[in-house]
Amino acid sequence: MPYALDEIGRPLFLISSMAMHTQNLKEDTRSSLLVTQSDAPIRWERREQTLMGRFSRSPPPMRPPFARPILARHENARYWVDFRRLSF
């Protein structure tokens, strides 16, 4: 899942309300994110970290501050960042 980090290092996602993982998170907010080094030539030499926590949806007024890190890291997100079925 594409993500970006906010100013204090928390992962941010731009997520669709129609996606199955979003439906699952509505039922149970516990979640994990596997972060792995993609440029290591051999799989077992990759550095990996699993983050565990609770998923929360941002309120609509918070959209602009959350959009900046996503757009800075994922340029193509500009095409869908304003879709109504997406949230942070």
PDB file of N, CA and C in Angstrom:
ATOM      1  N   MET A   1       0.837  -1.172   0.000  1.00  0.00           N
ATOM      2  CA  MET A   1       0.000   0.000   0.000  1.00  0.00           C
ATOM      3  C   MET A   1       0.885   1.239   0.000  1.00  0.00           C
ATOM      4  N   PRO A   2       0.715   2.129  -0.948  1.00  0.00           N
ATOM      5  CA  PRO A   2       1.507   3.359  -0.961  1.00  0.00           C
ATOM      6  C   PRO A   2       1.201   4.211   0.273  1.00  0.00           C
ATOM      7  N   TYR A   3       2.228   4.802   0.833  1.00  0.00           N
ATOM      8  CA  TYR A   3       2.057   5.637   2.017  1.00  0.00           C
ATOM      9  C   TYR A   3       3.104   6.747   1.995  1.00  0.00           C
ATOM     10  N   ALA A   4       2.916   7.702   2.888  1.00  0.00           N
ATOM     11  CA  ALA A   4       3.890   8.765   3.126  1.00  0.00           C
ATOM     12  C   ALA A   4       3.927   8.962   4.638  1.00  0.00           C
ATOM     13  N   LEU A   5       4.910   9.691   5.108  1.00  0.00           N
ATOM     14  CA  LEU A   5       5.029   9.953   6.539  1.00  0.00           C
ATOM     15  C   LEU A   5       4.665  11.406   6.844  1.00  0.00           C
ATOM     16  N   ASP A   6       3.963  11.608   7.956  1.00  0.00           N
ATOM     17  CA  ASP A   6       3.674  12.979   8.367  1.00  0.00           C
ATOM     18  C   ASP A   6       4.889  13.578   9.064  1.00  0.00           C
ATOM     19  N   GLU A   7       4.742  14.765   9.617  1.00  0.00           N
ATOM     20  CA  GLU A   7       5.878  15.482  10.188  1.00  0.00           C
ATOM     21  C   GLU A   7       6.495  14.806  11.402  1.00  0.00           C
ATOM     22  N   ILE A   8       5.774  13.879  12.042  1.00  0.00           N
ATOM     23  CA  ILE A   8       6.352  13.175  13.194  1.00  0.00           C
ATOM     24  C   ILE A   8       6.553  11.685  12.921  1.00  0.00           C
ATOM     25  N   GLY A   9       6.478  11.296  11.643  1.00  0.00           N
ATOM     26  CA  GLY A   9       6.811   9.928  11.268  1.00  0.00           C
ATOM     27  C   GLY A   9       5.670   8.929  11.234  1.00  0.00           C
ATOM     28  N   ARG A  10       4.436   9.391  11.376  1.00  0.00           N
ATOM     29  CA  ARG A  10       3.298   8.472  11.288  1.00  0.00           C
ATOM     30  C   ARG A  10       2.974   8.196   9.822  1.00  0.00           C
ATOM     31  N   PRO A  11       2.650   6.957   9.465  1.00  0.00           N
ATOM     32  CA  PRO A  11       2.290   6.660   8.076  1.00  0.00           C
ATOM     33  C   PRO A  11       0.920   7.228   7.723  1.00  0.00           C
ATOM     34  N   LEU A  12       0.826   7.795   6.532  1.00  0.00           N
ATOM     35  CA  LEU A  12      -0.422   8.329   5.991  1.00  0.00           C
ATOM     36  C   LEU A  12      -0.769   7.560   4.730  1.00  0.00           C
ATOM     37  N   PHE A  13      -2.052   7.301   4.544  1.00  0.00           N
ATOM     38  CA  PHE A  13      -2.544   6.590   3.368  1.00  0.00           C
ATOM     39  C   PHE A  13      -3.657   7.392   2.722  1.00  0.00           C
ATOM     40  N   LEU A  14      -3.769   7.308   1.421  1.00  0.00           N
ATOM     41  CA  LEU A  14      -4.927   7.798   0.692  1.00  0.00           C
ATOM     42  C   LEU A  14      -5.685   6.546   0.293  1.00  0.00           C
ATOM     43  N   ILE A  15      -6.850   6.350   0.879  1.00  0.00           N
ATOM     44  CA  ILE A  15      -7.503   5.051   0.816  1.00  0.00           C
ATOM     45  C   ILE A  15      -8.941   5.182   0.313  1.00  0.00           C
ATOM     46  N   SER A  16      -9.369   4.229  -0.481  1.00  0.00           N
ATOM     47  CA  SER A  16     -10.705   4.226  -1.068  1.00  0.00           C
ATOM     48  C   SER A  16     -11.716   3.586  -0.127  1.00  0.00           C
ATOM     49  N   SER A  17     -12.874   4.197  -0.013  1.00  0.00           N
ATOM     50  CA  SER A  17     -13.936   3.631   0.823  1.00  0.00           C
ATOM     51  C   SER A  17     -14.506   2.354   0.217  1.00  0.00           C
ATOM     52  N   MET A  18     -14.236   2.111  -1.062  1.00  0.00           N
ATOM     53  CA  MET A  18     -14.758   0.917  -1.727  1.00  0.00           C
ATOM     54  C   MET A  18     -13.841  -0.301  -1.595  1.00  0.00           C
ATOM     55  N   ALA A  19     -12.601  -0.094  -1.194  1.00  0.00           N
ATOM     56  CA  ALA A  19     -11.628  -1.186  -1.129  1.00  0.00           C
ATOM     57  C   ALA A  19     -11.957  -2.157   0.006  1.00  0.00           C
ATOM     58  N   MET A  20     -11.661  -3.410  -0.208  1.00  0.00           N
ATOM     59  CA  MET A  20     -11.943  -4.428   0.800  1.00  0.00           C
ATOM     60  C   MET A  20     -11.157  -4.184   2.080  1.00  0.00           C
ATOM     61  N   HIS A  21      -9.899  -3.750   1.971  1.00  0.00           N
ATOM     62  CA  HIS A  21      -9.132  -3.501   3.187  1.00  0.00           C
ATOM     63  C   HIS A  21      -9.729  -2.352   3.992  1.00  0.00           C
ATOM     64  N   THR A  22     -10.358  -1.382   3.324  1.00  0.00           N
ATOM     65  CA  THR A  22     -11.029  -0.303   4.047  1.00  0.00           C
ATOM     66  C   THR A  22     -12.241  -0.831   4.790  1.00  0.00           C
ATOM     67  N   GLN A  23     -12.999  -1.712   4.142  1.00  0.00           N
ATOM     68  CA  GLN A  23     -14.158  -2.318   4.801  1.00  0.00           C
ATOM     69  C   GLN A  23     -13.711  -3.108   6.027  1.00  0.00           C
ATOM     70  N   ASN A  24     -12.611  -3.820   5.909  1.00  0.00           N
ATOM     71  CA  ASN A  24     -12.086  -4.575   7.051  1.00  0.00           C
ATOM     72  C   ASN A  24     -11.669  -3.638   8.184  1.00  0.00           C
ATOM     73  N   LEU A  25     -11.059  -2.510   7.849  1.00  0.00           N
ATOM     74  CA  LEU A  25     -10.619  -1.560   8.873  1.00  0.00           C
ATOM     75  C   LEU A  25     -11.793  -0.890   9.582  1.00  0.00           C
ATOM     76  N   LYS A  26     -12.936  -0.805   8.917  1.00  0.00           N
ATOM     77  CA  LYS A  26     -14.124  -0.252   9.571  1.00  0.00           C
ATOM     78  C   LYS A  26     -14.609  -1.197  10.669  1.00  0.00           C
ATOM     79  N   GLU A  27     -14.406  -2.486  10.474  1.00  0.00           N
ATOM     80  CA  GLU A  27     -14.816  -3.489  11.459  1.00  0.00           C
ATOM     81  C   GLU A  27     -13.795  -3.632  12.592  1.00  0.00           C
ATOM     82  N   ASP A  28     -12.521  -3.511  12.262  1.00  0.00           N
ATOM     83  CA  ASP A  28     -11.453  -3.685  13.250  1.00  0.00           C
ATOM     84  C   ASP A  28     -10.304  -2.765  12.855  1.00  0.00           C
ATOM     85  N   THR A  29     -10.026  -1.755  13.658  1.00  0.00           N
ATOM     86  CA  THR A  29      -9.035  -0.740  13.292  1.00  0.00           C
ATOM     87  C   THR A  29      -7.592  -1.185  13.502  1.00  0.00           C
ATOM     88  N   ARG A  30      -7.382  -2.369  14.094  1.00  0.00           N
ATOM     89  CA  ARG A  30      -6.006  -2.853  14.260  1.00  0.00           C
ATOM     90  C   ARG A  30      -5.423  -3.158  12.881  1.00  0.00           C
ATOM     91  N   SER A  31      -4.178  -2.757  12.701  1.00  0.00           N
ATOM     92  CA  SER A  31      -3.572  -2.925  11.384  1.00  0.00           C
ATOM     93  C   SER A  31      -2.058  -3.045  11.517  1.00  0.00           C
ATOM     94  N   SER A  32      -1.424  -3.512  10.453  1.00  0.00           N
ATOM     95  CA  SER A  32       0.033  -3.540  10.405  1.00  0.00           C
ATOM     96  C   SER A  32       0.476  -3.115   9.007  1.00  0.00           C
ATOM     97  N   LEU A  33       1.686  -2.614   8.956  1.00  0.00           N
ATOM     98  CA  LEU A  33       2.280  -2.172   7.698  1.00  0.00           C
ATOM     99  C   LEU A  33       3.691  -2.739   7.641  1.00  0.00           C
ATOM    100  N   LEU A  34       3.977  -3.522   6.619  1.00  0.00           N
ATOM    101  CA  LEU A  34       5.315  -4.053   6.399  1.00  0.00           C
ATOM    102  C   LEU A  34       6.065  -3.071   5.507  1.00  0.00           C
ATOM    103  N   VAL A  35       7.153  -2.544   6.021  1.00  0.00           N
ATOM    104  CA  VAL A  35       8.010  -1.629   5.268  1.00  0.00           C
ATOM    105  C   VAL A  35       9.281  -2.392   4.953  1.00  0.00           C
ATOM    106  N   THR A  36       9.615  -2.459   3.665  1.00  0.00           N
ATOM    107  CA  THR A  36      10.780  -3.233   3.259  1.00  0.00           C
ATOM    108  C   THR A  36      11.666  -2.426   2.328  1.00  0.00           C
ATOM    109  N   GLN A  37      12.920  -2.713   2.354  1.00  0.00           N
ATOM    110  CA  GLN A  37      13.907  -2.066   1.486  1.00  0.00           C
ATOM    111  C   GLN A  37      13.785  -2.700   0.107  1.00  0.00           C
ATOM    112  N   SER A  38      13.466  -1.904  -0.883  1.00  0.00           N
ATOM    113  CA  SER A  38      13.233  -2.463  -2.218  1.00  0.00           C
ATOM    114  C   SER A  38      14.477  -2.519  -3.091  1.00  0.00           C
ATOM    115  N   ASP A  39      15.548  -1.861  -2.705  1.00  0.00           N
ATOM    116  CA  ASP A  39      16.719  -1.809  -3.581  1.00  0.00           C
ATOM    117  C   ASP A  39      17.810  -2.824  -3.225  1.00  0.00           C
ATOM    118  N   ALA A  40      17.556  -3.675  -2.256  1.00  0.00           N
ATOM    119  CA  ALA A  40      18.548  -4.702  -1.912  1.00  0.00           C
ATOM    120  C   ALA A  40      18.529  -5.784  -2.994  1.00  0.00           C
ATOM    121  N   PRO A  41      19.691  -6.168  -3.530  1.00  0.00           N
ATOM    122  CA  PRO A  41      19.722  -7.131  -4.631  1.00  0.00           C
ATOM    123  C   PRO A  41      19.281  -8.547  -4.232  1.00  0.00           C
ATOM    124  N   ILE A  42      19.496  -8.924  -2.998  1.00  0.00           N
ATOM    125  CA  ILE A  42      19.142 -10.273  -2.547  1.00  0.00           C
ATOM    126  C   ILE A  42      18.077 -10.147  -1.458  1.00  0.00           C
ATOM    127  N   ARG A  43      16.998 -10.893  -1.609  1.00  0.00           N
ATOM    128  CA  ARG A  43      15.847 -10.754  -0.707  1.00  0.00           C
ATOM    129  C   ARG A  43      16.221 -10.848   0.768  1.00  0.00           C
ATOM    130  N   TRP A  44      17.044 -11.812   1.154  1.00  0.00           N
ATOM    131  CA  TRP A  44      17.347 -11.988   2.573  1.00  0.00           C
ATOM    132  C   TRP A  44      18.269 -10.892   3.118  1.00  0.00           C
ATOM    133  N   GLU A  45      18.773 -10.023   2.239  1.00  0.00           N
ATOM    134  CA  GLU A  45      19.580  -8.893   2.691  1.00  0.00           C
ATOM    135  C   GLU A  45      18.744  -7.623   2.886  1.00  0.00           C
ATOM    136  N   ARG A  46      17.473  -7.690   2.548  1.00  0.00           N
ATOM    137  CA  ARG A  46      16.603  -6.522   2.711  1.00  0.00           C
ATOM    138  C   ARG A  46      16.329  -6.238   4.176  1.00  0.00           C
ATOM    139  N   ARG A  47      16.265  -4.986   4.482  1.00  0.00           N
ATOM    140  CA  ARG A  47      15.842  -4.568   5.822  1.00  0.00           C
ATOM    141  C   ARG A  47      14.326  -4.458   5.806  1.00  0.00           C
ATOM    142  N   GLU A  48      13.702  -4.965   6.848  1.00  0.00           N
ATOM    143  CA  GLU A  48      12.249  -4.923   6.945  1.00  0.00           C
ATOM    144  C   GLU A  48      11.837  -4.484   8.332  1.00  0.00           C
ATOM    145  N   GLN A  49      10.711  -3.813   8.386  1.00  0.00           N
ATOM    146  CA  GLN A  49      10.148  -3.380   9.664  1.00  0.00           C
ATOM    147  C   GLN A  49       8.633  -3.511   9.571  1.00  0.00           C
ATOM    148  N   THR A  50       8.021  -4.074  10.586  1.00  0.00           N
ATOM    149  CA  THR A  50       6.571  -4.146  10.643  1.00  0.00           C
ATOM    150  C   THR A  50       6.081  -3.168  11.698  1.00  0.00           C
ATOM    151  N   LEU A  51       5.212  -2.270  11.265  1.00  0.00           N
ATOM    152  CA  LEU A  51       4.595  -1.309  12.172  1.00  0.00           C
ATOM    153  C   LEU A  51       3.199  -1.811  12.509  1.00  0.00           C
ATOM    154  N   MET A  52       2.850  -1.775  13.773  1.00  0.00           N
ATOM    155  CA  MET A  52       1.520  -2.214  14.201  1.00  0.00           C
ATOM    156  C   MET A  52       0.854  -1.084  14.955  1.00  0.00           C
ATOM    157  N   GLY A  53      -0.440  -0.936  14.754  1.00  0.00           N
ATOM    158  CA  GLY A  53      -1.159   0.119  15.448  1.00  0.00           C
ATOM    159  C   GLY A  53      -2.619   0.108  15.086  1.00  0.00           C
ATOM    160  N   ARG A  54      -3.257   1.216  15.308  1.00  0.00           N
ATOM    161  CA  ARG A  54      -4.671   1.383  14.994  1.00  0.00           C
ATOM    162  C   ARG A  54      -4.815   2.399  13.871  1.00  0.00           C
ATOM    163  N   PHE A  55      -5.697   2.087  12.986  1.00  0.00           N
ATOM    164  CA  PHE A  55      -5.970   2.905  11.820  1.00  0.00           C
ATOM    165  C   PHE A  55      -7.062   3.913  12.184  1.00  0.00           C
ATOM    166  N   SER A  56      -6.893   5.168  11.823  1.00  0.00           N
ATOM    167  CA  SER A  56      -7.951   6.155  12.041  1.00  0.00           C
ATOM    168  C   SER A  56      -8.108   7.005  10.786  1.00  0.00           C
ATOM    169  N   ARG A  57      -9.328   7.409  10.543  1.00  0.00           N
ATOM    170  CA  ARG A  57      -9.647   8.220   9.373  1.00  0.00           C
ATOM    171  C   ARG A  57      -9.591   9.688   9.767  1.00  0.00           C
ATOM    172  N   SER A  58      -9.045  10.504   8.891  1.00  0.00           N
ATOM    173  CA  SER A  58      -8.959  11.930   9.197  1.00  0.00           C
ATOM    174  C   SER A  58     -10.306  12.602   8.959  1.00  0.00           C
ATOM    175  N   PRO A  59     -10.632  13.612   9.756  1.00  0.00           N
ATOM    176  CA  PRO A  59     -11.840  14.393   9.490  1.00  0.00           C
ATOM    177  C   PRO A  59     -11.630  15.243   8.234  1.00  0.00           C
ATOM    178  N   PRO A  60     -12.691  15.561   7.491  1.00  0.00           N
ATOM    179  CA  PRO A  60     -12.544  16.329   6.239  1.00  0.00           C
ATOM    180  C   PRO A  60     -11.737  17.619   6.350  1.00  0.00           C
ATOM    181  N   PRO A  61     -11.848  18.418   7.429  1.00  0.00           N
ATOM    182  CA  PRO A  61     -11.043  19.652   7.468  1.00  0.00           C
ATOM    183  C   PRO A  61      -9.534  19.403   7.503  1.00  0.00           C
ATOM    184  N   MET A  62      -9.109  18.199   7.843  1.00  0.00           N
ATOM    185  CA  MET A  62      -7.680  17.900   7.924  1.00  0.00           C
ATOM    186  C   MET A  62      -7.084  17.510   6.574  1.00  0.00           C
ATOM    187  N   ARG A  63      -7.883  17.494   5.554  1.00  0.00           N
ATOM    188  CA  ARG A  63      -7.428  17.011   4.255  1.00  0.00           C
ATOM    189  C   ARG A  63      -6.170  17.705   3.730  1.00  0.00           C
ATOM    190  N   PRO A  64      -6.097  19.035   3.661  1.00  0.00           N
ATOM    191  CA  PRO A  64      -4.901  19.660   3.084  1.00  0.00           C
ATOM    192  C   PRO A  64      -3.588  19.295   3.769  1.00  0.00           C
ATOM    193  N   PRO A  65      -3.485  19.317   5.105  1.00  0.00           N
ATOM    194  CA  PRO A  65      -2.192  18.941   5.707  1.00  0.00           C
ATOM    195  C   PRO A  65      -1.802  17.493   5.414  1.00  0.00           C
ATOM    196  N   PHE A  66      -2.782  16.600   5.333  1.00  0.00           N
ATOM    197  CA  PHE A  66      -2.469  15.208   5.048  1.00  0.00           C
ATOM    198  C   PHE A  66      -2.153  14.985   3.573  1.00  0.00           C
ATOM    199  N   ALA A  67      -2.678  15.830   2.713  1.00  0.00           N
ATOM    200  CA  ALA A  67      -2.448  15.664   1.279  1.00  0.00           C
ATOM    201  C   ALA A  67      -1.007  15.983   0.893  1.00  0.00           C
ATOM    202  N   ARG A  68      -0.398  16.948   1.550  1.00  0.00           N
ATOM    203  CA  ARG A  68       0.956  17.381   1.166  1.00  0.00           C
ATOM    204  C   ARG A  68       1.985  16.246   1.157  1.00  0.00           C
ATOM    205  N   PRO A  69       2.118  15.470   2.242  1.00  0.00           N
ATOM    206  CA  PRO A  69       3.117  14.394   2.209  1.00  0.00           C
ATOM    207  C   PRO A  69       2.803  13.314   1.171  1.00  0.00           C
ATOM    208  N   ILE A  70       1.524  13.007   0.993  1.00  0.00           N
ATOM    209  CA  ILE A  70       1.136  12.000  -0.013  1.00  0.00           C
ATOM    210  C   ILE A  70       1.525  12.482  -1.402  1.00  0.00           C
ATOM    211  N   LEU A  71       1.178  13.725  -1.723  1.00  0.00           N
ATOM    212  CA  LEU A  71       1.480  14.262  -3.053  1.00  0.00           C
ATOM    213  C   LEU A  71       2.972  14.441  -3.282  1.00  0.00           C
ATOM    214  N   ALA A  72       3.718  14.736  -2.238  1.00  0.00           N
ATOM    215  CA  ALA A  72       5.168  14.885  -2.381  1.00  0.00           C
ATOM    216  C   ALA A  72       5.827  13.542  -2.693  1.00  0.00           C
ATOM    217  N   ARG A  73       5.306  12.473  -2.130  1.00  0.00           N
ATOM    218  CA  ARG A  73       5.904  11.147  -2.322  1.00  0.00           C
ATOM    219  C   ARG A  73       5.323  10.391  -3.515  1.00  0.00           C
ATOM    220  N   HIS A  74       4.047  10.631  -3.814  1.00  0.00           N
ATOM    221  CA  HIS A  74       3.346   9.906  -4.885  1.00  0.00           C
ATOM    222  C   HIS A  74       2.715  10.921  -5.838  1.00  0.00           C
ATOM    223  N   GLU A  75       3.478  11.363  -6.797  1.00  0.00           N
ATOM    224  CA  GLU A  75       3.057  12.420  -7.718  1.00  0.00           C
ATOM    225  C   GLU A  75       1.747  12.097  -8.434  1.00  0.00           C
ATOM    226  N   ASN A  76       1.548  10.845  -8.819  1.00  0.00           N
ATOM    227  CA  ASN A  76       0.326  10.472  -9.543  1.00  0.00           C
ATOM    228  C   ASN A  76      -0.931  10.566  -8.695  1.00  0.00           C
ATOM    229  N   ALA A  77      -0.795  10.675  -7.392  1.00  0.00           N
ATOM    230  CA  ALA A  77      -1.961  10.809  -6.517  1.00  0.00           C
ATOM    231  C   ALA A  77      -2.728  12.095  -6.803  1.00  0.00           C
ATOM    232  N   ARG A  78      -2.094  13.057  -7.452  1.00  0.00           N
ATOM    233  CA  ARG A  78      -2.787  14.310  -7.761  1.00  0.00           C
ATOM    234  C   ARG A  78      -4.018  14.079  -8.642  1.00  0.00           C
ATOM    235  N   TYR A  79      -4.029  12.985  -9.396  1.00  0.00           N
ATOM    236  CA  TYR A  79      -5.155  12.694 -10.276  1.00  0.00           C
ATOM    237  C   TYR A  79      -6.401  12.259  -9.505  1.00  0.00           C
ATOM    238  N   TRP A  80      -6.229  11.683  -8.326  1.00  0.00           N
ATOM    239  CA  TRP A  80      -7.392  11.165  -7.596  1.00  0.00           C
ATOM    240  C   TRP A  80      -7.520  11.663  -6.161  1.00  0.00           C
ATOM    241  N   VAL A  81      -6.629  12.556  -5.712  1.00  0.00           N
ATOM    242  CA  VAL A  81      -6.635  13.007  -4.319  1.00  0.00           C
ATOM    243  C   VAL A  81      -7.954  13.688  -3.928  1.00  0.00           C
ATOM    244  N   ASP A  82      -8.666  14.263  -4.868  1.00  0.00           N
ATOM    245  CA  ASP A  82      -9.921  14.961  -4.556  1.00  0.00           C
ATOM    246  C   ASP A  82     -11.173  14.120  -4.778  1.00  0.00           C
ATOM    247  N   PHE A  83     -11.021  12.854  -5.094  1.00  0.00           N
ATOM    248  CA  PHE A  83     -12.205  11.995  -5.254  1.00  0.00           C
ATOM    249  C   PHE A  83     -12.937  11.874  -3.924  1.00  0.00           C
ATOM    250  N   ARG A  84     -14.224  11.930  -3.947  1.00  0.00           N
ATOM    251  CA  ARG A  84     -15.029  11.865  -2.715  1.00  0.00           C
ATOM    252  C   ARG A  84     -14.931  10.527  -1.993  1.00  0.00           C
ATOM    253  N   ARG A  85     -14.656   9.472  -2.698  1.00  0.00           N
ATOM    254  CA  ARG A  85     -14.590   8.152  -2.064  1.00  0.00           C
ATOM    255  C   ARG A  85     -13.219   7.837  -1.476  1.00  0.00           C
ATOM    256  N   LEU A  86     -12.334   8.804  -1.508  1.00  0.00           N
ATOM    257  CA  LEU A  86     -11.001   8.625  -0.925  1.00  0.00           C
ATOM    258  C   LEU A  86     -10.878   9.467   0.329  1.00  0.00           C
ATOM    259  N   SER A  87     -10.135   8.954   1.278  1.00  0.00           N
ATOM    260  CA  SER A  87      -9.868   9.717   2.498  1.00  0.00           C
ATOM    261  C   SER A  87      -8.485   9.367   3.000  1.00  0.00           C
ATOM    262  N   PHE A  88      -8.031  10.113   3.974  1.00  0.00           N
ATOM    263  CA  PHE A  88      -6.707   9.894   4.571  1.00  0.00           C
ATOM    264  C   PHE A  88      -6.840   9.201   5.893  1.00  0.00           C
TER     265      PHE A  88
END
